[in-house]
N, C-alpha and C. Protein backbone atom coordinates (compact mmCIF):
# COMPACT_ATOMS: atom_id res chain seq x y z
N MET A 1 2.28 17.66 78.25
CA MET A 1 2.74 19.03 78.37
C MET A 1 3.91 19.14 79.34
N ALA A 2 3.87 18.39 80.46
CA ALA A 2 4.93 18.49 81.46
C ALA A 2 6.28 18.11 80.86
N GLN A 3 6.32 17.06 80.05
CA GLN A 3 7.60 16.65 79.44
C GLN A 3 8.11 17.74 78.50
N GLU A 4 7.22 18.35 77.73
CA GLU A 4 7.63 19.45 76.85
C GLU A 4 8.17 20.61 77.67
N ASP A 5 7.47 20.94 78.77
CA ASP A 5 7.93 22.02 79.65
C ASP A 5 9.29 21.70 80.22
N ARG A 6 9.46 20.46 80.68
CA ARG A 6 10.73 20.05 81.28
C ARG A 6 11.87 20.20 80.28
N VAL A 7 11.68 19.73 79.08
CA VAL A 7 12.73 19.82 78.05
C VAL A 7 13.03 21.28 77.72
N ARG A 8 12.00 22.08 77.54
CA ARG A 8 12.18 23.50 77.21
C ARG A 8 12.95 24.23 78.30
N TRP A 9 12.56 24.01 79.55
CA TRP A 9 13.23 24.70 80.66
C TRP A 9 14.63 24.15 80.90
N ASP A 10 14.82 22.85 80.73
CA ASP A 10 16.18 22.29 80.85
C ASP A 10 17.10 22.95 79.83
N GLN A 11 16.63 23.08 78.60
CA GLN A 11 17.44 23.72 77.57
C GLN A 11 17.74 25.17 77.91
N ARG A 12 16.75 25.86 78.44
CA ARG A 12 16.95 27.26 78.81
C ARG A 12 17.99 27.41 79.92
N TYR A 13 17.93 26.54 80.92
CA TYR A 13 18.90 26.61 82.01
C TYR A 13 20.28 26.14 81.58
N GLU A 14 20.35 25.18 80.67
CA GLU A 14 21.66 24.78 80.14
C GLU A 14 22.31 25.95 79.41
N THR A 15 21.53 26.71 78.66
CA THR A 15 22.04 27.90 77.98
C THR A 15 22.46 28.95 79.01
N ALA A 16 21.69 29.09 80.07
CA ALA A 16 22.02 30.07 81.10
C ALA A 16 23.36 29.76 81.75
N VAL A 17 23.67 28.47 81.92
CA VAL A 17 24.96 28.09 82.50
C VAL A 17 26.08 28.59 81.60
N LEU A 18 25.90 28.44 80.32
CA LEU A 18 26.92 28.90 79.38
C LEU A 18 27.06 30.42 79.40
N GLU A 19 26.00 31.12 79.83
CA GLU A 19 26.02 32.57 79.88
C GLU A 19 26.34 33.08 81.29
N ALA A 20 27.04 32.26 82.08
CA ALA A 20 27.52 32.65 83.42
C ALA A 20 26.40 32.90 84.42
N MET A 21 25.40 32.07 84.43
CA MET A 21 24.37 32.13 85.45
C MET A 21 24.91 31.49 86.70
N PRO A 22 24.41 31.71 87.86
CA PRO A 22 23.48 32.77 88.22
C PRO A 22 24.22 34.03 88.65
N GLY A 23 23.46 35.07 88.87
CA GLY A 23 24.02 36.35 89.28
C GLY A 23 24.05 36.47 90.80
N PRO A 24 24.04 37.69 91.29
CA PRO A 24 24.10 37.91 92.74
C PRO A 24 22.82 37.41 93.43
N ILE A 25 22.96 37.12 94.71
CA ILE A 25 21.84 36.62 95.50
C ILE A 25 21.02 37.84 95.98
N THR A 26 19.86 38.03 95.39
CA THR A 26 19.00 39.17 95.72
C THR A 26 17.55 38.70 95.77
N PRO A 27 16.68 39.48 96.41
CA PRO A 27 15.25 39.12 96.40
C PRO A 27 14.69 39.29 94.98
N PRO A 28 13.57 38.65 94.70
CA PRO A 28 12.92 38.87 93.40
C PRO A 28 12.68 40.36 93.18
N SER A 29 12.90 40.82 91.97
CA SER A 29 12.88 42.25 91.67
C SER A 29 11.59 42.95 92.11
N LYS A 30 10.45 42.36 91.93
CA LYS A 30 9.19 43.01 92.30
C LYS A 30 9.02 43.16 93.80
N PHE A 31 9.82 42.42 94.58
CA PHE A 31 9.69 42.48 96.03
C PHE A 31 10.87 43.18 96.70
N GLY A 32 11.81 43.67 95.92
CA GLY A 32 13.01 44.28 96.47
C GLY A 32 12.76 45.45 97.41
N ASP A 33 11.71 46.20 97.17
CA ASP A 33 11.38 47.34 98.04
C ASP A 33 10.61 46.92 99.29
N HIS A 34 10.33 45.63 99.42
CA HIS A 34 9.49 45.16 100.53
C HIS A 34 10.14 44.02 101.31
N VAL A 35 11.45 43.94 101.30
CA VAL A 35 12.13 42.82 101.98
C VAL A 35 11.85 42.80 103.47
N ASP A 36 11.51 43.95 104.04
CA ASP A 36 11.20 44.00 105.47
C ASP A 36 9.95 43.19 105.81
N LEU A 37 9.11 42.89 104.84
CA LEU A 37 7.90 42.09 105.07
C LEU A 37 8.19 40.59 105.08
N PHE A 38 9.33 40.20 104.52
CA PHE A 38 9.67 38.78 104.42
C PHE A 38 10.21 38.27 105.76
N PRO A 39 9.76 37.08 106.19
CA PRO A 39 10.23 36.55 107.47
C PRO A 39 11.71 36.19 107.43
N THR A 40 12.29 36.07 108.61
CA THR A 40 13.69 35.67 108.73
C THR A 40 13.83 34.34 109.47
N THR A 41 12.70 33.75 109.85
CA THR A 41 12.70 32.42 110.46
C THR A 41 11.50 31.66 109.92
N GLY A 42 11.53 30.36 110.10
CA GLY A 42 10.40 29.53 109.69
C GLY A 42 10.69 28.76 108.42
N PHE A 43 9.62 28.35 107.75
CA PHE A 43 9.70 27.50 106.57
C PHE A 43 9.10 28.21 105.37
N ALA A 44 9.81 28.14 104.23
CA ALA A 44 9.34 28.76 102.99
C ALA A 44 9.21 27.70 101.90
N LEU A 45 8.20 27.87 101.06
CA LEU A 45 8.01 27.05 99.87
C LEU A 45 8.11 27.97 98.68
N GLU A 46 9.04 27.66 97.77
CA GLU A 46 9.15 28.45 96.55
C GLU A 46 8.74 27.61 95.35
N LEU A 47 7.76 28.08 94.61
CA LEU A 47 7.27 27.40 93.42
C LEU A 47 8.01 27.92 92.20
N ALA A 48 8.37 27.00 91.29
CA ALA A 48 9.12 27.36 90.08
C ALA A 48 10.38 28.14 90.46
N CYS A 49 11.19 27.52 91.31
CA CYS A 49 12.36 28.19 91.90
C CYS A 49 13.50 28.43 90.92
N GLY A 50 13.45 27.82 89.74
CA GLY A 50 14.52 28.04 88.77
C GLY A 50 15.86 27.64 89.36
N SER A 51 16.87 28.47 89.13
CA SER A 51 18.24 28.14 89.55
C SER A 51 18.50 28.45 91.02
N GLY A 52 17.46 28.80 91.78
CA GLY A 52 17.56 28.84 93.23
C GLY A 52 17.94 30.16 93.86
N GLY A 53 18.05 31.22 93.10
CA GLY A 53 18.47 32.50 93.67
C GLY A 53 17.60 32.98 94.82
N THR A 54 16.28 32.93 94.65
CA THR A 54 15.39 33.38 95.71
C THR A 54 15.44 32.44 96.91
N SER A 55 15.45 31.15 96.67
CA SER A 55 15.52 30.18 97.76
C SER A 55 16.79 30.38 98.59
N VAL A 56 17.91 30.57 97.92
CA VAL A 56 19.17 30.79 98.63
C VAL A 56 19.13 32.11 99.38
N TRP A 57 18.56 33.15 98.78
CA TRP A 57 18.42 34.43 99.47
C TRP A 57 17.60 34.25 100.75
N LEU A 58 16.51 33.48 100.67
CA LEU A 58 15.68 33.23 101.85
C LEU A 58 16.45 32.44 102.91
N ALA A 59 17.21 31.44 102.48
CA ALA A 59 18.00 30.65 103.43
C ALA A 59 19.07 31.52 104.10
N LEU A 60 19.68 32.41 103.35
CA LEU A 60 20.67 33.33 103.93
C LEU A 60 20.02 34.25 104.97
N ARG A 61 18.71 34.49 104.83
CA ARG A 61 17.96 35.31 105.80
C ARG A 61 17.58 34.51 107.04
N GLY A 62 17.71 33.18 106.99
CA GLY A 62 17.42 32.36 108.17
C GLY A 62 16.29 31.37 108.01
N LEU A 63 15.67 31.27 106.84
CA LEU A 63 14.56 30.35 106.64
C LEU A 63 15.04 28.97 106.18
N LYS A 64 14.25 27.96 106.47
CA LYS A 64 14.38 26.64 105.85
C LYS A 64 13.53 26.72 104.59
N VAL A 65 14.05 26.26 103.46
CA VAL A 65 13.37 26.48 102.18
C VAL A 65 13.24 25.18 101.40
N HIS A 66 12.05 24.99 100.81
CA HIS A 66 11.83 23.91 99.85
C HIS A 66 11.52 24.57 98.52
N GLY A 67 12.43 24.43 97.57
CA GLY A 67 12.24 24.97 96.23
C GLY A 67 11.92 23.86 95.26
N VAL A 68 10.93 24.09 94.40
CA VAL A 68 10.53 23.09 93.41
C VAL A 68 10.50 23.72 92.02
N ASP A 69 10.82 22.90 91.03
CA ASP A 69 10.82 23.37 89.64
C ASP A 69 10.66 22.16 88.73
N ILE A 70 10.16 22.36 87.53
CA ILE A 70 9.98 21.30 86.54
C ILE A 70 11.32 20.86 85.94
N SER A 71 12.32 21.74 85.98
CA SER A 71 13.60 21.48 85.31
C SER A 71 14.62 20.85 86.24
N GLY A 72 15.06 19.66 85.89
CA GLY A 72 16.14 19.02 86.63
C GLY A 72 17.43 19.81 86.52
N THR A 73 17.66 20.42 85.38
CA THR A 73 18.85 21.26 85.20
C THR A 73 18.82 22.43 86.17
N ALA A 74 17.67 23.10 86.29
CA ALA A 74 17.54 24.22 87.22
C ALA A 74 17.75 23.75 88.65
N ILE A 75 17.20 22.60 89.01
CA ILE A 75 17.36 22.08 90.37
C ILE A 75 18.83 21.79 90.66
N GLY A 76 19.54 21.25 89.68
CA GLY A 76 20.98 21.03 89.85
C GLY A 76 21.72 22.33 90.11
N LEU A 77 21.36 23.38 89.37
CA LEU A 77 21.97 24.70 89.58
C LEU A 77 21.62 25.25 90.96
N ALA A 78 20.37 25.05 91.39
CA ALA A 78 19.94 25.53 92.71
C ALA A 78 20.74 24.85 93.82
N LYS A 79 20.92 23.55 93.71
CA LYS A 79 21.70 22.83 94.73
C LYS A 79 23.14 23.32 94.76
N LYS A 80 23.69 23.57 93.60
CA LYS A 80 25.07 24.08 93.52
C LYS A 80 25.15 25.47 94.15
N LEU A 81 24.18 26.33 93.87
CA LEU A 81 24.18 27.68 94.42
C LEU A 81 24.05 27.64 95.95
N ALA A 82 23.21 26.75 96.45
CA ALA A 82 23.06 26.62 97.90
C ALA A 82 24.39 26.17 98.52
N ALA A 83 25.06 25.22 97.90
CA ALA A 83 26.35 24.75 98.42
C ALA A 83 27.39 25.87 98.39
N GLU A 84 27.44 26.63 97.30
CA GLU A 84 28.40 27.73 97.17
C GLU A 84 28.18 28.81 98.22
N ASN A 85 26.95 28.93 98.72
CA ASN A 85 26.62 29.94 99.72
C ASN A 85 26.46 29.35 101.12
N ALA A 86 26.89 28.10 101.28
CA ALA A 86 26.90 27.41 102.58
C ALA A 86 25.53 27.34 103.24
N VAL A 87 24.47 27.15 102.45
CA VAL A 87 23.12 27.02 103.00
C VAL A 87 22.44 25.72 102.57
N SER A 88 23.22 24.74 102.12
CA SER A 88 22.64 23.47 101.68
C SER A 88 21.79 22.82 102.76
N SER A 89 22.20 22.96 104.02
CA SER A 89 21.43 22.33 105.10
C SER A 89 20.09 23.02 105.33
N SER A 90 19.93 24.22 104.80
CA SER A 90 18.67 24.97 104.94
C SER A 90 17.80 24.89 103.69
N CYS A 91 18.31 24.28 102.64
CA CYS A 91 17.58 24.23 101.36
C CYS A 91 17.34 22.80 100.91
N ARG A 92 16.14 22.56 100.45
CA ARG A 92 15.79 21.29 99.79
C ARG A 92 15.24 21.67 98.43
N PHE A 93 15.72 21.01 97.40
CA PHE A 93 15.25 21.28 96.04
C PHE A 93 14.79 19.98 95.40
N ASP A 94 13.63 20.02 94.75
CA ASP A 94 13.08 18.84 94.09
C ASP A 94 12.49 19.20 92.73
N VAL A 95 12.61 18.24 91.81
CA VAL A 95 11.93 18.35 90.52
C VAL A 95 10.47 17.98 90.76
N VAL A 96 9.57 18.93 90.45
CA VAL A 96 8.14 18.73 90.69
C VAL A 96 7.38 19.27 89.48
N ASP A 97 6.42 18.49 89.03
CA ASP A 97 5.51 18.91 87.97
C ASP A 97 4.32 19.61 88.63
N LEU A 98 4.31 20.93 88.63
CA LEU A 98 3.25 21.69 89.28
C LEU A 98 1.90 21.55 88.56
N ASP A 99 1.90 20.98 87.35
CA ASP A 99 0.62 20.68 86.70
C ASP A 99 -0.18 19.68 87.54
N ARG A 100 0.50 18.95 88.40
CA ARG A 100 -0.15 17.96 89.26
C ARG A 100 -0.48 18.53 90.64
N GLY A 101 -0.21 19.81 90.84
CA GLY A 101 -0.50 20.45 92.11
C GLY A 101 0.77 20.65 92.93
N LEU A 102 0.60 21.25 94.09
CA LEU A 102 1.73 21.48 94.98
C LEU A 102 2.20 20.15 95.55
N PRO A 103 3.49 20.04 95.84
CA PRO A 103 3.97 18.81 96.47
C PRO A 103 3.47 18.72 97.90
N GLU A 104 3.41 17.51 98.42
CA GLU A 104 3.05 17.31 99.82
C GLU A 104 4.06 18.02 100.70
N GLY A 105 3.61 18.47 101.84
CA GLY A 105 4.53 19.10 102.77
C GLY A 105 3.81 19.90 103.82
N PRO A 106 4.58 20.44 104.75
CA PRO A 106 3.97 21.20 105.84
C PRO A 106 3.48 22.56 105.38
N GLN A 107 2.71 23.19 106.25
CA GLN A 107 2.31 24.56 105.98
C GLN A 107 3.57 25.42 105.98
N ALA A 108 3.50 26.55 105.28
CA ALA A 108 4.67 27.40 105.12
C ALA A 108 4.41 28.79 105.69
N ASP A 109 5.44 29.34 106.30
CA ASP A 109 5.39 30.71 106.81
C ASP A 109 5.51 31.71 105.66
N LEU A 110 6.00 31.21 104.53
CA LEU A 110 6.16 32.02 103.32
C LEU A 110 5.95 31.12 102.11
N VAL A 111 5.08 31.53 101.21
CA VAL A 111 4.93 30.87 99.92
C VAL A 111 5.29 31.91 98.87
N VAL A 112 6.30 31.58 98.04
CA VAL A 112 6.79 32.48 97.01
C VAL A 112 6.55 31.84 95.65
N CYS A 113 6.00 32.63 94.74
CA CYS A 113 5.83 32.19 93.36
C CYS A 113 6.17 33.39 92.48
N HIS A 114 7.32 33.32 91.83
CA HIS A 114 7.84 34.46 91.07
C HIS A 114 7.94 34.09 89.59
N LEU A 115 7.15 34.75 88.79
CA LEU A 115 7.13 34.59 87.33
C LEU A 115 6.74 33.19 86.88
N PHE A 116 5.83 32.59 87.62
CA PHE A 116 5.16 31.36 87.21
C PHE A 116 3.69 31.55 87.54
N ARG A 117 2.84 31.18 86.61
CA ARG A 117 1.40 31.39 86.81
C ARG A 117 0.63 30.14 86.45
N ASP A 118 -0.16 29.67 87.40
CA ASP A 118 -1.12 28.61 87.17
C ASP A 118 -2.27 28.87 88.14
N VAL A 119 -3.36 29.40 87.62
CA VAL A 119 -4.48 29.81 88.48
C VAL A 119 -5.04 28.64 89.28
N ARG A 120 -4.85 27.42 88.81
CA ARG A 120 -5.32 26.24 89.55
C ARG A 120 -4.58 26.09 90.88
N LEU A 121 -3.40 26.67 90.97
CA LEU A 121 -2.60 26.55 92.20
C LEU A 121 -2.93 27.62 93.24
N TYR A 122 -3.64 28.67 92.85
CA TYR A 122 -3.92 29.77 93.79
C TYR A 122 -4.56 29.27 95.09
N PRO A 123 -5.63 28.45 95.03
CA PRO A 123 -6.23 27.98 96.29
C PRO A 123 -5.26 27.11 97.10
N GLN A 124 -4.45 26.31 96.43
CA GLN A 124 -3.49 25.46 97.13
C GLN A 124 -2.42 26.30 97.83
N MET A 125 -2.02 27.40 97.21
CA MET A 125 -1.04 28.29 97.84
C MET A 125 -1.59 28.83 99.15
N VAL A 126 -2.85 29.25 99.12
CA VAL A 126 -3.48 29.79 100.33
C VAL A 126 -3.61 28.70 101.39
N GLN A 127 -4.01 27.50 100.99
CA GLN A 127 -4.15 26.40 101.94
C GLN A 127 -2.82 26.04 102.59
N ARG A 128 -1.74 26.17 101.86
CA ARG A 128 -0.42 25.81 102.37
C ARG A 128 0.13 26.86 103.33
N LEU A 129 -0.39 28.08 103.26
CA LEU A 129 0.11 29.20 104.05
C LEU A 129 -0.33 29.09 105.50
N THR A 130 0.59 29.30 106.44
CA THR A 130 0.22 29.34 107.86
C THR A 130 -0.60 30.60 108.14
N PRO A 131 -1.45 30.58 109.14
CA PRO A 131 -2.12 31.83 109.54
C PRO A 131 -1.05 32.87 109.89
N GLY A 132 -1.16 34.04 109.30
CA GLY A 132 -0.17 35.09 109.51
C GLY A 132 1.04 34.98 108.61
N GLY A 133 1.13 33.91 107.82
CA GLY A 133 2.24 33.72 106.89
C GLY A 133 2.13 34.67 105.71
N LEU A 134 3.22 34.78 104.98
CA LEU A 134 3.28 35.71 103.85
C LEU A 134 3.19 34.98 102.52
N LEU A 135 2.32 35.47 101.65
CA LEU A 135 2.21 35.00 100.27
C LEU A 135 2.82 36.07 99.39
N ALA A 136 3.77 35.68 98.55
CA ALA A 136 4.44 36.61 97.63
C ALA A 136 4.34 36.04 96.22
N VAL A 137 3.53 36.69 95.38
CA VAL A 137 3.30 36.21 94.02
C VAL A 137 3.57 37.35 93.05
N ALA A 138 4.35 37.07 92.03
CA ALA A 138 4.59 38.02 90.93
C ALA A 138 4.48 37.25 89.62
N VAL A 139 3.69 37.77 88.70
CA VAL A 139 3.46 37.09 87.42
C VAL A 139 3.51 38.10 86.28
N LEU A 140 3.62 37.59 85.08
CA LEU A 140 3.45 38.44 83.91
C LEU A 140 1.98 38.84 83.84
N SER A 141 1.70 40.01 83.32
CA SER A 141 0.33 40.54 83.30
C SER A 141 0.01 41.14 81.94
N GLU A 142 -1.27 41.16 81.65
CA GLU A 142 -1.75 41.83 80.43
C GLU A 142 -1.77 43.34 80.59
N VAL A 143 -1.64 43.84 81.81
CA VAL A 143 -1.70 45.28 82.05
C VAL A 143 -0.46 45.93 81.44
N ASP A 144 -0.69 46.82 80.50
CA ASP A 144 0.38 47.49 79.75
C ASP A 144 1.18 46.54 78.88
N ALA A 145 0.58 45.41 78.51
CA ALA A 145 1.23 44.43 77.65
C ALA A 145 0.16 43.71 76.83
N LYS A 146 0.61 42.98 75.85
CA LYS A 146 -0.33 42.21 75.03
C LYS A 146 -0.83 41.00 75.82
N PRO A 147 -2.09 40.61 75.62
CA PRO A 147 -2.60 39.40 76.27
C PRO A 147 -1.81 38.18 75.82
N GLY A 148 -1.79 37.18 76.65
CA GLY A 148 -1.12 35.93 76.32
C GLY A 148 -1.49 34.86 77.31
N PRO A 149 -1.25 33.60 76.97
CA PRO A 149 -1.68 32.49 77.82
C PRO A 149 -0.98 32.45 79.17
N PHE A 150 0.18 33.09 79.32
CA PHE A 150 0.92 33.05 80.58
C PHE A 150 0.78 34.36 81.36
N ARG A 151 -0.08 35.24 80.89
CA ARG A 151 -0.23 36.56 81.52
C ARG A 151 -1.54 36.64 82.30
N ALA A 152 -1.45 37.23 83.47
CA ALA A 152 -2.64 37.42 84.31
C ALA A 152 -3.50 38.53 83.73
N MET A 153 -4.79 38.40 83.88
CA MET A 153 -5.72 39.45 83.50
C MET A 153 -5.67 40.55 84.56
N ALA A 154 -6.09 41.73 84.20
CA ALA A 154 -6.14 42.84 85.15
C ALA A 154 -6.94 42.43 86.38
N GLY A 155 -6.40 42.67 87.56
CA GLY A 155 -7.09 42.37 88.80
C GLY A 155 -7.06 40.92 89.24
N GLU A 156 -6.41 40.05 88.48
CA GLU A 156 -6.44 38.62 88.78
C GLU A 156 -5.90 38.29 90.18
N LEU A 157 -4.77 38.86 90.54
CA LEU A 157 -4.18 38.52 91.84
C LEU A 157 -5.00 39.04 93.01
N THR A 158 -5.48 40.27 92.90
CA THR A 158 -6.31 40.79 94.00
C THR A 158 -7.64 40.05 94.08
N ASP A 159 -8.18 39.62 92.94
CA ASP A 159 -9.40 38.81 92.97
C ASP A 159 -9.14 37.45 93.62
N ALA A 160 -8.01 36.83 93.29
CA ALA A 160 -7.71 35.49 93.79
C ALA A 160 -7.33 35.50 95.28
N PHE A 161 -6.65 36.56 95.70
CA PHE A 161 -6.10 36.58 97.06
C PHE A 161 -6.67 37.71 97.92
N GLY A 162 -7.73 38.35 97.46
CA GLY A 162 -8.31 39.48 98.18
C GLY A 162 -8.89 39.14 99.53
N HIS A 163 -9.15 37.87 99.79
CA HIS A 163 -9.67 37.46 101.10
C HIS A 163 -8.57 37.40 102.15
N LEU A 164 -7.31 37.53 101.71
CA LEU A 164 -6.18 37.62 102.64
C LEU A 164 -5.97 39.08 103.00
N GLU A 165 -5.06 39.36 103.91
CA GLU A 165 -4.71 40.73 104.25
C GLU A 165 -3.67 41.22 103.24
N ILE A 166 -4.10 42.04 102.29
CA ILE A 166 -3.18 42.52 101.25
C ILE A 166 -2.29 43.61 101.84
N LEU A 167 -0.98 43.38 101.76
CA LEU A 167 0.00 44.34 102.27
C LEU A 167 0.48 45.27 101.16
N GLU A 168 0.71 44.72 99.99
CA GLU A 168 1.15 45.48 98.82
C GLU A 168 0.64 44.74 97.58
N ALA A 169 0.28 45.47 96.57
CA ALA A 169 -0.13 44.87 95.31
C ALA A 169 0.02 45.92 94.22
N GLY A 170 0.22 45.45 93.02
CA GLY A 170 0.31 46.38 91.90
C GLY A 170 0.30 45.64 90.59
N GLU A 171 0.07 46.39 89.54
CA GLU A 171 0.16 45.84 88.19
C GLU A 171 0.50 46.97 87.24
N GLY A 172 1.29 46.63 86.24
CA GLY A 172 1.72 47.60 85.24
C GLY A 172 2.99 47.12 84.57
N ASP A 173 3.26 47.69 83.41
CA ASP A 173 4.46 47.33 82.64
C ASP A 173 4.56 45.83 82.39
N GLY A 174 3.41 45.18 82.24
CA GLY A 174 3.41 43.76 81.93
C GLY A 174 3.62 42.84 83.10
N HIS A 175 3.52 43.35 84.33
CA HIS A 175 3.69 42.53 85.53
C HIS A 175 2.57 42.81 86.53
N ALA A 176 2.29 41.83 87.36
CA ALA A 176 1.37 41.99 88.49
C ALA A 176 2.01 41.31 89.68
N TRP A 177 1.81 41.86 90.88
CA TRP A 177 2.40 41.28 92.07
C TRP A 177 1.50 41.54 93.27
N ILE A 178 1.68 40.69 94.26
CA ILE A 178 0.92 40.86 95.50
C ILE A 178 1.72 40.28 96.66
N LEU A 179 1.65 40.95 97.76
CA LEU A 179 2.16 40.47 99.04
C LEU A 179 0.97 40.46 99.99
N ALA A 180 0.65 39.32 100.56
CA ALA A 180 -0.53 39.20 101.40
C ALA A 180 -0.25 38.28 102.57
N ARG A 181 -0.89 38.55 103.69
CA ARG A 181 -0.77 37.72 104.90
C ARG A 181 -1.96 36.77 105.01
N GLY A 182 -1.65 35.56 105.42
CA GLY A 182 -2.71 34.60 105.72
C GLY A 182 -3.51 35.11 106.91
N ILE A 183 -4.76 34.83 106.91
CA ILE A 183 -5.66 35.30 107.96
C ILE A 183 -5.44 34.47 109.23
N GLU A 184 -5.24 35.19 110.34
CA GLU A 184 -5.10 34.54 111.65
C GLU A 184 -6.46 33.99 112.05
N THR A 185 -6.47 32.78 112.57
CA THR A 185 -7.72 32.20 113.05
C THR A 185 -7.79 32.34 114.56
N ALA A 186 -8.98 32.53 115.07
CA ALA A 186 -9.16 32.74 116.51
C ALA A 186 -9.26 31.43 117.25
């Protein structure tokens, strides 16, 4: 499956290059109204980073970022975008098959997963998060949309991450999202 995913996403990103990708450096759309919750220092891990827009946005805010994606083409675009925005020294990008789990690495002050869903990774995301760190997840949802293999069921994110401090969450129009803080330990 990973090889099929890699080929499919490589083709998609190659087409995107022909269509003048990427666009402006902005936060993920579901989190645009909540940028004040995102840290401006520390380390961030972005899962399924695609062409690097979110990772570069985070680096421009002051974070060190590790972005991972299945597509080598996307990773090439992400590295180029980081260089064009003079944040290459703050960004690391790697081709990673998330079907095998999260890559090794330090705990993160921010874990971002935007429009990629693998429920097997939910516990690993929480484990990777520093106490007090921010988890930002947005996925396709069955809420107000047809069910599908890549869509979260109603309540999935709050069920998976409800043991954290939920700052914002919602679902509708075929999307679900959550912003939650890792629990501080005494």
